[in-house]
């Protein structure tokens, strides 16, 4: 398949040309997902070992209860991991498709945002694996352990672990989301600073809605949400001040 032609800013194209470019970029995204799936499947035993390592040492032997469960569990794990591997390609293809509609002066910032989003994604995965998932796994695996004999089902645990990791990756994108709203004028930094309590309430609701049936998971997901929300406000303020200085400098010349 030919590489999609990237339109320049202001370049006119027919609806058919736009649809053809979109089709090609979707195929690239699907190809990245397939490649990520294949790579993840090659290392799926290592991935299972890494996820099981978040459990207490005496609970790391995962159980299966049906004949096809080991196969399907490995398939789903590979799909989850493949999606995470493909996200940078998906983000880049999305930026390349919409970039002709963006002013050239702003394209550098959009490219920077794309790079930062990948870095934040990686930070969210690291936070999820080293902090959120172990805290949740240890709490749930040891809850009333003197009363229950617990067998940890591989399918359920891996699904839970994948959801926590993906949720943390999405949570760490919050600063870009808030900054994007302020840069497009949908929100203002004045409103964000004035309505902090409402913002924190919304953040708390998001934390409760994220994957996790226990208070430990909710707290571990909520803490970075609050910190990142506050960080996003100050990032927006700094960008507004920088834009105001640039406008003042341009007006003075």
Protein backbone atom coordinates (compact mmCIF):
# COMPACT_ATOMS: atom_id res chain seq x y z
CA UNK A 1 0.00 0.00 0.00
CA UNK A 2 1.31 3.42 -0.98
CA UNK A 3 2.23 5.89 1.73
CA UNK A 4 -0.61 8.44 2.16
CA UNK A 5 0.15 11.82 0.63
CA UNK A 6 0.28 14.50 3.29
CA UNK A 7 -1.60 17.64 2.30
CA UNK A 8 -0.10 21.06 2.95
CA UNK A 9 -1.88 23.78 4.89
CA UNK A 10 -4.56 25.39 2.75
CA UNK A 11 -4.20 22.82 -0.03
CA UNK A 12 -7.55 21.95 -1.54
CA UNK A 13 -8.62 18.34 -1.97
CA UNK A 14 -11.79 16.61 -3.02
CA UNK A 15 -13.92 14.57 -0.66
CA UNK A 16 -12.76 11.41 -2.43
CA UNK A 17 -9.10 12.37 -1.84
CA UNK A 18 -9.78 13.03 1.85
CA UNK A 19 -11.55 9.69 2.22
CA UNK A 20 -8.74 7.89 0.41
CA UNK A 21 -6.16 9.48 2.72
CA UNK A 22 -8.26 8.57 5.75
CA UNK A 23 -8.58 4.98 4.51
CA UNK A 24 -4.82 4.68 4.06
CA UNK A 25 -4.10 6.10 7.51
CA UNK A 26 -6.64 3.75 9.11
CA UNK A 27 -4.89 0.83 7.40
CA UNK A 28 -1.55 2.06 8.79
CA UNK A 29 -3.08 2.20 12.29
CA UNK A 30 -4.50 -1.31 11.88
CA UNK A 31 -1.11 -2.50 10.62
CA UNK A 32 0.57 -0.99 13.69
CA UNK A 33 -2.01 -2.71 15.90
CA UNK A 34 -1.40 -6.04 14.16
CA UNK A 35 2.37 -5.67 14.46
CA UNK A 36 2.02 -4.73 18.13
CA UNK A 37 -0.22 -7.75 18.66
CA UNK A 38 2.32 -10.09 17.03
CA UNK A 39 5.22 -8.67 19.06
CA UNK A 40 3.18 -8.87 22.26
CA UNK A 41 2.18 -12.46 21.52
CA UNK A 42 5.81 -13.44 21.01
CA UNK A 43 6.55 -12.13 24.51
CA UNK A 44 3.16 -12.95 26.07
CA UNK A 45 4.64 -15.36 28.63
CA UNK A 46 7.01 -12.64 29.78
CA UNK A 47 4.10 -10.18 29.98
CA UNK A 48 2.06 -12.60 32.07
CA UNK A 49 5.02 -13.06 34.40
CA UNK A 50 5.44 -9.29 34.74
CA UNK A 51 1.75 -8.76 35.54
CA UNK A 52 1.69 -11.69 38.00
CA UNK A 53 4.71 -10.16 39.75
CA UNK A 54 2.41 -7.39 41.04
CA UNK A 55 0.61 -10.00 43.17
CA UNK A 56 1.81 -11.15 46.59
CA UNK A 57 4.52 -13.84 46.25
CA UNK A 58 2.19 -16.64 47.42
CA UNK A 59 -0.55 -15.68 44.91
CA UNK A 60 1.40 -15.49 41.66
CA UNK A 61 0.30 -18.88 40.30
CA UNK A 62 -2.67 -17.97 38.11
CA UNK A 63 -5.47 -20.46 37.53
CA UNK A 64 -7.62 -21.34 34.52
CA UNK A 65 -10.91 -23.26 34.63
CA UNK A 66 -11.79 -24.11 31.02
CA UNK A 67 -9.96 -25.85 28.19
CA UNK A 68 -9.59 -22.83 25.92
CA UNK A 69 -9.02 -20.22 28.64
CA UNK A 70 -5.19 -20.17 28.49
CA UNK A 71 -5.29 -19.54 24.74
CA UNK A 72 -7.96 -16.82 24.88
CA UNK A 73 -6.29 -15.15 27.87
CA UNK A 74 -3.01 -14.92 25.95
CA UNK A 75 -4.86 -13.56 22.91
CA UNK A 76 -6.58 -10.81 24.90
CA UNK A 77 -3.37 -9.88 26.70
CA UNK A 78 -1.55 -9.60 23.37
CA UNK A 79 -4.35 -7.42 22.01
CA UNK A 80 -4.23 -5.09 25.02
CA UNK A 81 -0.45 -4.81 24.80
CA UNK A 82 -0.54 -4.42 21.02
CA UNK A 83 -2.95 -1.51 21.36
CA UNK A 84 -0.61 0.25 23.79
CA UNK A 85 2.34 -0.32 21.43
CA UNK A 86 0.34 1.07 18.50
CA UNK A 87 -0.84 4.24 20.27
CA UNK A 88 2.14 6.42 19.17
CA UNK A 89 1.50 5.46 15.53
CA UNK A 90 -2.23 6.12 15.91
CA UNK A 91 -1.57 9.55 17.45
CA UNK A 92 0.90 10.45 14.71
CA UNK A 93 -1.48 9.39 11.95
CA UNK A 94 -4.26 11.42 13.54
CA UNK A 95 -2.01 14.48 13.68
CA UNK A 96 -0.89 14.00 10.06
CA UNK A 97 -4.52 13.76 8.89
CA UNK A 98 -5.71 16.92 10.67
CA UNK A 99 -2.52 18.98 10.31
CA UNK A 100 -3.56 20.63 6.98
CA UNK A 101 -6.38 22.37 8.87
CA UNK A 102 -3.93 23.80 11.43
CA UNK A 103 -2.12 27.07 10.91
CA UNK A 104 1.60 26.53 10.17
CA UNK A 105 2.49 28.66 13.20
CA UNK A 106 0.63 26.19 15.45
CA UNK A 107 1.80 22.96 13.83
CA UNK A 108 5.02 22.92 15.85
CA UNK A 109 2.99 23.05 19.07
CA UNK A 110 0.73 20.22 17.87
CA UNK A 111 3.79 18.08 17.05
CA UNK A 112 5.15 18.86 20.51
CA UNK A 113 1.82 17.89 22.06
CA UNK A 114 1.92 14.59 20.16
CA UNK A 115 5.39 13.83 21.53
CA UNK A 116 4.39 14.85 25.06
CA UNK A 117 1.28 12.65 24.87
CA UNK A 118 3.49 9.62 24.16
CA UNK A 119 5.78 10.49 27.08
CA UNK A 120 2.78 10.96 29.39
CA UNK A 121 1.39 7.64 28.18
CA UNK A 122 4.64 5.92 29.13
CA UNK A 123 4.65 7.69 32.52
CA UNK A 124 1.08 6.52 33.15
CA UNK A 125 1.99 2.92 32.33
CA UNK A 126 4.99 3.03 34.66
CA UNK A 127 2.90 4.53 37.45
CA UNK A 128 0.21 1.90 36.89
CA UNK A 129 2.64 -1.00 36.91
CA UNK A 130 4.89 0.02 39.80
CA UNK A 131 2.37 1.73 42.09
CA UNK A 132 -1.32 1.43 41.27
CA UNK A 133 -1.50 -2.23 40.22
CA UNK A 134 0.65 -3.66 43.08
CA UNK A 135 -1.29 -1.64 45.68
CA UNK A 136 -4.64 -2.83 44.33
CA UNK A 137 -3.46 -6.42 43.83
CA UNK A 138 -2.03 -6.75 47.34
CA UNK A 139 -5.14 -5.27 48.93
CA UNK A 140 -7.57 -7.48 47.02
CA UNK A 141 -5.46 -10.66 47.27
CA UNK A 142 -5.09 -10.33 51.06
CA UNK A 143 -8.59 -9.09 51.87
CA UNK A 144 -10.13 -11.42 54.51
CA UNK A 145 -7.49 -14.00 53.61
CA UNK A 146 -8.14 -15.87 56.85
CA UNK A 147 -11.73 -16.52 55.74
CA UNK A 148 -11.43 -17.24 52.01
CA UNK A 149 -9.32 -19.64 49.98
CA UNK A 150 -8.60 -17.56 46.92
CA UNK A 151 -7.70 -18.89 43.49
CA UNK A 152 -6.79 -16.04 41.17
CA UNK A 153 -8.24 -16.67 37.73
CA UNK A 154 -5.84 -15.70 34.95
CA UNK A 155 -8.48 -14.22 32.67
CA UNK A 156 -10.04 -12.03 35.35
CA UNK A 157 -6.73 -10.84 36.79
CA UNK A 158 -5.13 -10.00 33.45
CA UNK A 159 -8.27 -8.15 32.35
CA UNK A 160 -8.24 -6.19 35.62
CA UNK A 161 -4.52 -5.44 35.32
CA UNK A 162 -4.86 -4.33 31.69
CA UNK A 163 -7.76 -2.02 32.54
CA UNK A 164 -5.82 -0.44 35.40
CA UNK A 165 -2.77 0.11 33.18
CA UNK A 166 -4.81 1.59 30.32
CA UNK A 167 -6.77 3.76 32.77
CA UNK A 168 -3.53 5.17 34.21
CA UNK A 169 -2.21 5.83 30.69
CA UNK A 170 -5.38 7.81 29.92
CA UNK A 171 -5.30 9.62 33.28
CA UNK A 172 -1.80 10.92 32.57
CA UNK A 173 -3.10 12.57 29.38
CA UNK A 174 -5.25 14.95 31.49
CA UNK A 175 -2.84 17.93 31.29
CA UNK A 176 -2.90 17.86 27.49
CA UNK A 177 -6.68 17.61 27.48
CA UNK A 178 -7.11 20.63 29.78
CA UNK A 179 -4.42 22.66 28.00
CA UNK A 180 -6.07 21.85 24.68
CA UNK A 181 -9.42 23.15 25.95
CA UNK A 182 -7.83 26.39 27.12
CA UNK A 183 -5.82 26.91 23.92
CA UNK A 184 -8.96 26.48 21.79
CA UNK A 185 -10.92 28.89 23.99
CA UNK A 186 -13.47 26.35 25.24
CA UNK A 187 -12.18 26.95 28.79
CA UNK A 188 -10.26 29.84 30.29
CA UNK A 189 -7.57 29.74 32.94
CA UNK A 190 -9.57 32.26 34.98
CA UNK A 191 -12.55 29.91 35.06
CA UNK A 192 -10.35 26.93 35.90
CA UNK A 193 -8.75 28.74 38.85
CA UNK A 194 -12.04 30.16 40.06
CA UNK A 195 -13.90 26.83 39.89
CA UNK A 196 -11.22 24.60 41.37
CA UNK A 197 -13.70 22.91 43.73
CA UNK A 198 -15.95 21.93 40.86
CA UNK A 199 -12.91 20.64 38.99
CA UNK A 200 -11.82 18.53 41.94
CA UNK A 201 -15.34 17.12 42.25
CA UNK A 202 -15.29 16.14 38.57
CA UNK A 203 -11.85 14.58 39.04
CA UNK A 204 -13.15 12.58 42.02
CA UNK A 205 -16.09 11.34 39.93
CA UNK A 206 -13.70 10.28 37.18
CA UNK A 207 -11.56 8.38 39.70
CA UNK A 208 -14.63 6.52 40.96
CA UNK A 209 -15.71 5.70 37.39
CA UNK A 210 -12.30 4.27 36.44
CA UNK A 211 -11.70 0.49 36.63
CA UNK A 212 -11.43 -0.78 40.18
CA UNK A 213 -13.86 -2.25 42.67
CA UNK A 214 -11.92 -1.33 45.79
CA UNK A 215 -10.98 1.92 47.57
CA UNK A 216 -7.24 1.34 47.14
CA UNK A 217 -7.47 1.27 43.34
CA UNK A 218 -9.74 4.32 43.36
CA UNK A 219 -7.33 6.26 45.59
CA UNK A 220 -4.29 5.24 43.53
CA UNK A 221 -6.09 6.42 40.39
CA UNK A 222 -7.40 9.58 42.06
CA UNK A 223 -4.10 10.90 43.47
CA UNK A 224 -2.40 11.43 40.08
CA UNK A 225 -5.67 12.84 38.70
CA UNK A 226 -5.69 15.59 41.33
CA UNK A 227 -1.97 16.35 40.89
CA UNK A 228 -2.20 16.36 37.10
CA UNK A 229 -5.33 18.52 37.16
CA UNK A 230 -3.56 21.14 39.27
CA UNK A 231 -0.49 20.87 37.03
CA UNK A 232 -2.64 21.35 33.92
CA UNK A 233 -4.09 24.58 35.36
CA UNK A 234 -0.64 26.07 35.90
CA UNK A 235 0.54 24.85 32.50
CA UNK A 236 -2.43 26.66 30.94
CA UNK A 237 -1.64 29.81 32.92
CA UNK A 238 2.00 29.79 31.80
CA UNK A 239 1.02 29.25 28.16
CA UNK A 240 -1.51 32.10 28.36
CA UNK A 241 1.13 34.43 29.79
CA UNK A 242 3.59 33.38 27.09
CA UNK A 243 0.99 34.01 24.37
CA UNK A 244 0.18 37.43 25.88
CA UNK A 245 3.89 38.39 25.88
CA UNK A 246 4.22 37.25 22.27
CA UNK A 247 1.19 39.31 21.24
CA UNK A 248 2.53 42.36 23.09
CA UNK A 249 5.92 41.96 21.42
CA UNK A 250 4.27 41.62 17.99
CA UNK A 251 2.13 44.73 18.62
CA UNK A 252 5.20 46.73 19.63
CA UNK A 253 7.11 45.99 16.43
